[in-house]
Amino acid sequence: MSSTTIEKLLTAEEFAKLPDPVDGSKQELVRGVVITMPPPSFVHGIVQVNVCFALKTYAKKTHSGRVTVESGVITEERPDTVRGPDVAFWSFKRLPADQVPTVYANVPADLCVEVISPGNTREKMNRKVREYFARGVLQVWVVDPDSRTVTIYQQPGEGRVLWDESTITAEDILPGFSCPIAEFFQLDQ
């Protein structure tokens, strides 16, 4: 007689209550199942901070929104998926300044940024991009430290690649924002 084990799918609320992994790994919830990823590389962390710094400087200067790093974003429900974009920006139009979520925001971010890690496959990254847009995110940037490029998506499947000698802008969601892409990849700061 054989037995089958049925795995209990977690909700976003249950996932939020899990303790942080002791080894520093990163976790996401994908259709109710916890997925564990190794901690990001050193270069990944530097690039992530550089992108965050550019967006945080913009948000502070314009008083237009808030920036988070690896904060959970619910992309699907029943079963729940909670992604942790490397960087995200919420405008105060979408998430007013007086509303600070304690766990996950109940509204989609304006911008989600993913920095490619060695463990990311193109398929996994495409899935995340589709999930963000399905949830209502307005723009997604995929930052690739190896090729020193940023692919800007305003809808799934149609990305515009900018090389490190370009300047990134996002007038439709970040009016007045401008940053040389090379600054995202500066490792000596």
C-alpha atoms as a PDB file:
ATOM      1  CA  MET A   1       0.000   0.000   0.000  1.00  0.00           C
ATOM      2  CA  SER A   2       1.486   3.342  -1.007  1.00  0.00           C
ATOM      3  CA  SER A   3       0.939   6.610   0.699  1.00  0.00           C
ATOM      4  CA  THR A   4       1.119  10.076  -0.718  1.00  0.00           C
ATOM      5  CA  THR A   5       2.131  13.129   1.185  1.00  0.00           C
ATOM      6  CA  ILE A   6       0.074  16.195   0.510  1.00  0.00           C
ATOM      7  CA  GLU A   7       2.026  19.387   1.044  1.00  0.00           C
ATOM      8  CA  LYS A   8       0.067  22.158   2.734  1.00  0.00           C
ATOM      9  CA  LEU A   9       0.164  25.315   0.669  1.00  0.00           C
ATOM     10  CA  LEU A  10       0.923  28.450   2.646  1.00  0.00           C
ATOM     11  CA  THR A  11      -0.911  31.729   2.344  1.00  0.00           C
ATOM     12  CA  ALA A  12       0.925  35.053   2.104  1.00  0.00           C
ATOM     13  CA  GLU A  13      -0.101  35.735   5.716  1.00  0.00           C
ATOM     14  CA  GLU A  14       1.369  32.433   6.923  1.00  0.00           C
ATOM     15  CA  PHE A  15       4.517  32.989   4.863  1.00  0.00           C
ATOM     16  CA  ALA A  16       5.026  36.426   6.455  1.00  0.00           C
ATOM     17  CA  LYS A  17       5.093  34.811   9.900  1.00  0.00           C
ATOM     18  CA  LEU A  18       7.892  32.355   9.075  1.00  0.00           C
ATOM     19  CA  PRO A  19      11.223  33.051  10.773  1.00  0.00           C
ATOM     20  CA  ASP A  20      14.065  34.386   8.641  1.00  0.00           C
ATOM     21  CA  PRO A  21      16.385  31.625   7.432  1.00  0.00           C
ATOM     22  CA  VAL A  22      19.375  31.371   9.786  1.00  0.00           C
ATOM     23  CA  ASP A  23      21.792  30.919   6.875  1.00  0.00           C
ATOM     24  CA  GLY A  24      20.886  34.277   5.287  1.00  0.00           C
ATOM     25  CA  SER A  25      19.207  32.721   2.282  1.00  0.00           C
ATOM     26  CA  LYS A  26      16.307  34.466   0.579  1.00  0.00           C
ATOM     27  CA  GLN A  27      12.842  32.951   0.366  1.00  0.00           C
ATOM     28  CA  GLU A  28       9.846  33.580  -1.845  1.00  0.00           C
ATOM     29  CA  LEU A  29       6.444  31.965  -1.836  1.00  0.00           C
ATOM     30  CA  VAL A  30       5.514  30.512  -5.229  1.00  0.00           C
ATOM     31  CA  ARG A  31       1.942  29.252  -5.519  1.00  0.00           C
ATOM     32  CA  GLY A  32       1.892  28.378  -1.833  1.00  0.00           C
ATOM     33  CA  VAL A  33       5.286  26.651  -1.733  1.00  0.00           C
ATOM     34  CA  VAL A  34       8.340  28.188  -0.064  1.00  0.00           C
ATOM     35  CA  ILE A  35      11.291  28.433  -2.445  1.00  0.00           C
ATOM     36  CA  THR A  36      14.720  29.012  -0.892  1.00  0.00           C
ATOM     37  CA  MET A  37      17.512  30.693  -2.826  1.00  0.00           C
ATOM     38  CA  PRO A  38      21.138  31.177  -1.800  1.00  0.00           C
ATOM     39  CA  PRO A  39      22.137  34.597  -0.527  1.00  0.00           C
ATOM     40  CA  PRO A  40      22.984  37.008  -3.365  1.00  0.00           C
ATOM     41  CA  SER A  41      26.602  37.467  -4.412  1.00  0.00           C
ATOM     42  CA  PHE A  42      28.707  40.433  -3.310  1.00  0.00           C
ATOM     43  CA  VAL A  43      28.458  42.082  -6.752  1.00  0.00           C
ATOM     44  CA  HIS A  44      24.688  41.539  -6.758  1.00  0.00           C
ATOM     45  CA  GLY A  45      24.477  43.337  -3.415  1.00  0.00           C
ATOM     46  CA  ILE A  46      26.516  46.300  -4.637  1.00  0.00           C
ATOM     47  CA  VAL A  47      24.419  46.662  -7.793  1.00  0.00           C
ATOM     48  CA  GLN A  48      21.223  46.365  -5.746  1.00  0.00           C
ATOM     49  CA  VAL A  49      22.386  49.126  -3.383  1.00  0.00           C
ATOM     50  CA  ASN A  50      23.389  51.353  -6.307  1.00  0.00           C
ATOM     51  CA  VAL A  51      19.951  51.031  -7.929  1.00  0.00           C
ATOM     52  CA  CYS A  52      18.257  51.578  -4.568  1.00  0.00           C
ATOM     53  CA  PHE A  53      20.408  54.651  -3.885  1.00  0.00           C
ATOM     54  CA  ALA A  54      19.502  56.226  -7.250  1.00  0.00           C
ATOM     55  CA  LEU A  55      15.779  55.628  -6.688  1.00  0.00           C
ATOM     56  CA  LYS A  56      15.884  56.665  -3.014  1.00  0.00           C
ATOM     57  CA  THR A  57      17.723  59.888  -3.891  1.00  0.00           C
ATOM     58  CA  TYR A  58      15.039  60.632  -6.496  1.00  0.00           C
ATOM     59  CA  ALA A  59      12.163  59.819  -4.119  1.00  0.00           C
ATOM     60  CA  LYS A  60      13.633  61.944  -1.342  1.00  0.00           C
ATOM     61  CA  LYS A  61      14.292  64.900  -3.650  1.00  0.00           C
ATOM     62  CA  THR A  62      10.824  64.816  -5.233  1.00  0.00           C
ATOM     63  CA  HIS A  63       8.809  63.629  -2.198  1.00  0.00           C
ATOM     64  CA  SER A  64       7.066  61.318  -4.656  1.00  0.00           C
ATOM     65  CA  GLY A  65       7.187  57.876  -3.086  1.00  0.00           C
ATOM     66  CA  ARG A  66       9.132  55.265  -1.150  1.00  0.00           C
ATOM     67  CA  VAL A  67      11.714  52.663  -2.071  1.00  0.00           C
ATOM     68  CA  THR A  68      12.087  49.188  -0.573  1.00  0.00           C
ATOM     69  CA  VAL A  69      14.682  46.441  -0.849  1.00  0.00           C
ATOM     70  CA  GLU A  70      13.542  42.801  -0.986  1.00  0.00           C
ATOM     71  CA  SER A  71      10.158  43.604   0.565  1.00  0.00           C
ATOM     72  CA  GLY A  72       7.441  41.116  -0.245  1.00  0.00           C
ATOM     73  CA  VAL A  73       5.140  41.807  -3.166  1.00  0.00           C
ATOM     74  CA  ILE A  74       2.054  39.610  -3.577  1.00  0.00           C
ATOM     75  CA  THR A  75       1.803  38.679  -7.251  1.00  0.00           C
ATOM     76  CA  GLU A  76      -0.796  35.890  -7.147  1.00  0.00           C
ATOM     77  CA  GLU A  77      -3.555  34.735  -4.812  1.00  0.00           C
ATOM     78  CA  ARG A  78      -5.132  31.337  -4.149  1.00  0.00           C
ATOM     79  CA  PRO A  79      -2.552  29.864  -4.137  1.00  0.00           C
ATOM     80  CA  ASP A  80      -0.464  32.830  -3.038  1.00  0.00           C
ATOM     81  CA  THR A  81       2.834  33.966  -4.519  1.00  0.00           C
ATOM     82  CA  VAL A  82       5.026  36.488  -2.717  1.00  0.00           C
ATOM     83  CA  ARG A  83       8.066  37.751  -4.596  1.00  0.00           C
ATOM     84  CA  GLY A  84      10.851  39.847  -3.115  1.00  0.00           C
ATOM     85  CA  PRO A  85      12.033  42.181  -5.860  1.00  0.00           C
ATOM     86  CA  ASP A  86      15.562  43.408  -5.267  1.00  0.00           C
ATOM     87  CA  VAL A  87      14.285  46.997  -5.305  1.00  0.00           C
ATOM     88  CA  ALA A  88      10.765  48.423  -5.625  1.00  0.00           C
ATOM     89  CA  PHE A  89       9.284  51.921  -5.830  1.00  0.00           C
ATOM     90  CA  TRP A  90       5.779  52.881  -4.733  1.00  0.00           C
ATOM     91  CA  SER A  91       4.524  56.346  -5.620  1.00  0.00           C
ATOM     92  CA  PHE A  92       2.513  58.200  -2.994  1.00  0.00           C
ATOM     93  CA  LYS A  93      -0.312  58.206  -5.551  1.00  0.00           C
ATOM     94  CA  ARG A  94      -0.528  54.414  -5.309  1.00  0.00           C
ATOM     95  CA  LEU A  95       0.490  54.024  -1.685  1.00  0.00           C
ATOM     96  CA  PRO A  96      -0.091  57.285   0.218  1.00  0.00           C
ATOM     97  CA  ALA A  97       2.647  58.537   2.526  1.00  0.00           C
ATOM     98  CA  ASP A  98       0.457  58.016   5.607  1.00  0.00           C
ATOM     99  CA  GLN A  99      -0.043  54.321   4.762  1.00  0.00           C
ATOM    100  CA  VAL A 100       2.967  52.216   5.733  1.00  0.00           C
ATOM    101  CA  PRO A 101       2.221  48.495   5.403  1.00  0.00           C
ATOM    102  CA  THR A 102       3.516  46.365   8.250  1.00  0.00           C
ATOM    103  CA  VAL A 103       3.865  43.235   6.113  1.00  0.00           C
ATOM    104  CA  TYR A 104       3.055  43.419   2.384  1.00  0.00           C
ATOM    105  CA  ALA A 105       1.563  46.358   0.509  1.00  0.00           C
ATOM    106  CA  ASN A 106      -2.012  45.811  -0.643  1.00  0.00           C
ATOM    107  CA  VAL A 107      -1.309  47.726  -3.862  1.00  0.00           C
ATOM    108  CA  PRO A 108       1.197  46.901  -6.592  1.00  0.00           C
ATOM    109  CA  ALA A 109       4.460  48.811  -6.835  1.00  0.00           C
ATOM    110  CA  ASP A 110       4.949  51.285  -9.660  1.00  0.00           C
ATOM    111  CA  LEU A 111       8.376  49.770 -10.385  1.00  0.00           C
ATOM    112  CA  CYS A 112      10.012  46.441  -9.544  1.00  0.00           C
ATOM    113  CA  VAL A 113      13.723  45.913 -10.162  1.00  0.00           C
ATOM    114  CA  GLU A 114      15.356  42.504 -10.397  1.00  0.00           C
ATOM    115  CA  VAL A 115      19.128  42.098 -10.420  1.00  0.00           C
ATOM    116  CA  ILE A 116      20.120  38.907 -12.219  1.00  0.00           C
ATOM    117  CA  SER A 117      21.982  36.370 -10.079  1.00  0.00           C
ATOM    118  CA  PRO A 118      23.907  33.348 -11.331  1.00  0.00           C
ATOM    119  CA  GLY A 119      20.999  31.099 -10.243  1.00  0.00           C
ATOM    120  CA  ASN A 120      18.414  33.039 -12.276  1.00  0.00           C
ATOM    121  CA  THR A 121      17.356  31.459 -15.517  1.00  0.00           C
ATOM    122  CA  ARG A 122      15.753  33.448 -18.314  1.00  0.00           C
ATOM    123  CA  GLU A 123      12.575  31.394 -17.746  1.00  0.00           C
ATOM    124  CA  LYS A 124      12.450  32.262 -14.024  1.00  0.00           C
ATOM    125  CA  MET A 125      13.036  35.948 -14.738  1.00  0.00           C
ATOM    126  CA  ASN A 126      10.362  36.018 -17.453  1.00  0.00           C
ATOM    127  CA  ARG A 127       7.904  34.391 -15.044  1.00  0.00           C
ATOM    128  CA  LYS A 128       8.566  37.076 -12.425  1.00  0.00           C
ATOM    129  CA  VAL A 129       8.170  39.865 -14.990  1.00  0.00           C
ATOM    130  CA  ARG A 130       4.808  38.410 -16.120  1.00  0.00           C
ATOM    131  CA  GLU A 131       3.647  38.066 -12.499  1.00  0.00           C
ATOM    132  CA  TYR A 132       4.525  41.674 -11.694  1.00  0.00           C
ATOM    133  CA  PHE A 133       2.569  42.971 -14.672  1.00  0.00           C
ATOM    134  CA  ALA A 134      -0.396  40.671 -14.026  1.00  0.00           C
ATOM    135  CA  ARG A 135      -0.601  42.198 -10.552  1.00  0.00           C
ATOM    136  CA  GLY A 136      -0.530  45.783 -11.867  1.00  0.00           C
ATOM    137  CA  VAL A 137       3.126  46.839 -11.633  1.00  0.00           C
ATOM    138  CA  LEU A 138       3.711  49.583 -14.210  1.00  0.00           C
ATOM    139  CA  GLN A 139       7.349  48.934 -15.093  1.00  0.00           C
ATOM    140  CA  VAL A 140      10.022  46.300 -14.446  1.00  0.00           C
ATOM    141  CA  TRP A 141      13.774  46.702 -14.797  1.00  0.00           C
ATOM    142  CA  VAL A 142      15.969  43.621 -15.146  1.00  0.00           C
ATOM    143  CA  VAL A 143      19.544  44.599 -14.300  1.00  0.00           C
ATOM    144  CA  ASP A 144      22.319  42.317 -15.555  1.00  0.00           C
ATOM    145  CA  PRO A 145      25.705  42.885 -13.876  1.00  0.00           C
ATOM    146  CA  ASP A 146      27.490  40.517 -16.291  1.00  0.00           C
ATOM    147  CA  SER A 147      26.444  42.294 -19.493  1.00  0.00           C
ATOM    148  CA  ARG A 148      26.140  45.690 -17.739  1.00  0.00           C
ATOM    149  CA  THR A 149      22.678  46.198 -19.188  1.00  0.00           C
ATOM    150  CA  VAL A 150      19.217  47.127 -17.967  1.00  0.00           C
ATOM    151  CA  THR A 151      16.171  45.763 -19.775  1.00  0.00           C
ATOM    152  CA  ILE A 152      13.155  47.999 -19.264  1.00  0.00           C
ATOM    153  CA  TYR A 153       9.765  46.314 -19.538  1.00  0.00           C
ATOM    154  CA  GLN A 154       6.576  48.327 -19.810  1.00  0.00           C
ATOM    155  CA  GLN A 155       4.681  45.150 -20.620  1.00  0.00           C
ATOM    156  CA  PRO A 156       5.674  41.500 -20.557  1.00  0.00           C
ATOM    157  CA  GLY A 157       7.654  40.215 -23.518  1.00  0.00           C
ATOM    158  CA  GLU A 158       8.676  43.634 -24.835  1.00  0.00           C
ATOM    159  CA  GLY A 159      11.845  44.842 -23.186  1.00  0.00           C
ATOM    160  CA  ARG A 160      14.133  47.659 -24.285  1.00  0.00           C
ATOM    161  CA  VAL A 161      17.805  47.010 -23.517  1.00  0.00           C
ATOM    162  CA  LEU A 162      20.023  49.872 -22.384  1.00  0.00           C
ATOM    163  CA  TRP A 163      23.802  49.459 -22.190  1.00  0.00           C
ATOM    164  CA  ASP A 164      26.003  50.960 -19.512  1.00  0.00           C
ATOM    165  CA  GLU A 165      26.843  54.028 -21.634  1.00  0.00           C
ATOM    166  CA  SER A 166      23.135  54.955 -21.670  1.00  0.00           C
ATOM    167  CA  THR A 167      21.112  57.015 -19.230  1.00  0.00           C
ATOM    168  CA  ILE A 168      17.948  55.513 -17.803  1.00  0.00           C
ATOM    169  CA  THR A 169      14.796  57.595 -17.437  1.00  0.00           C
ATOM    170  CA  ALA A 170      11.227  56.657 -16.644  1.00  0.00           C
ATOM    171  CA  GLU A 171       9.198  59.804 -17.255  1.00  0.00           C
ATOM    172  CA  ASP A 172       5.837  58.013 -17.126  1.00  0.00           C
ATOM    173  CA  ILE A 173       6.386  56.720 -13.575  1.00  0.00           C
ATOM    174  CA  LEU A 174       9.368  58.730 -12.280  1.00  0.00           C
ATOM    175  CA  PRO A 175       9.057  62.241 -13.760  1.00  0.00           C
ATOM    176  CA  GLY A 176      12.457  63.901 -13.816  1.00  0.00           C
ATOM    177  CA  PHE A 177      14.403  60.746 -12.881  1.00  0.00           C
ATOM    178  CA  SER A 178      17.637  60.277 -14.792  1.00  0.00           C
ATOM    179  CA  CYS A 179      20.661  58.127 -13.970  1.00  0.00           C
ATOM    180  CA  PRO A 180      23.650  56.947 -16.009  1.00  0.00           C
ATOM    181  CA  ILE A 181      23.376  53.160 -16.119  1.00  0.00           C
ATOM    182  CA  ALA A 182      27.126  52.884 -15.497  1.00  0.00           C
ATOM    183  CA  GLU A 183      26.429  54.108 -11.922  1.00  0.00           C
ATOM    184  CA  PHE A 184      24.442  50.914 -11.253  1.00  0.00           C
ATOM    185  CA  PHE A 185      27.595  48.885 -11.930  1.00  0.00           C
ATOM    186  CA  GLN A 186      30.193  50.927 -10.001  1.00  0.00           C
ATOM    187  CA  LEU A 187      31.862  48.500  -7.624  1.00  0.00           C
ATOM    188  CA  ASP A 188      34.352  50.853  -5.965  1.00  0.00           C
ATOM    189  CA  GLN A 189      32.055  53.075  -3.917  1.00  0.00           C
END
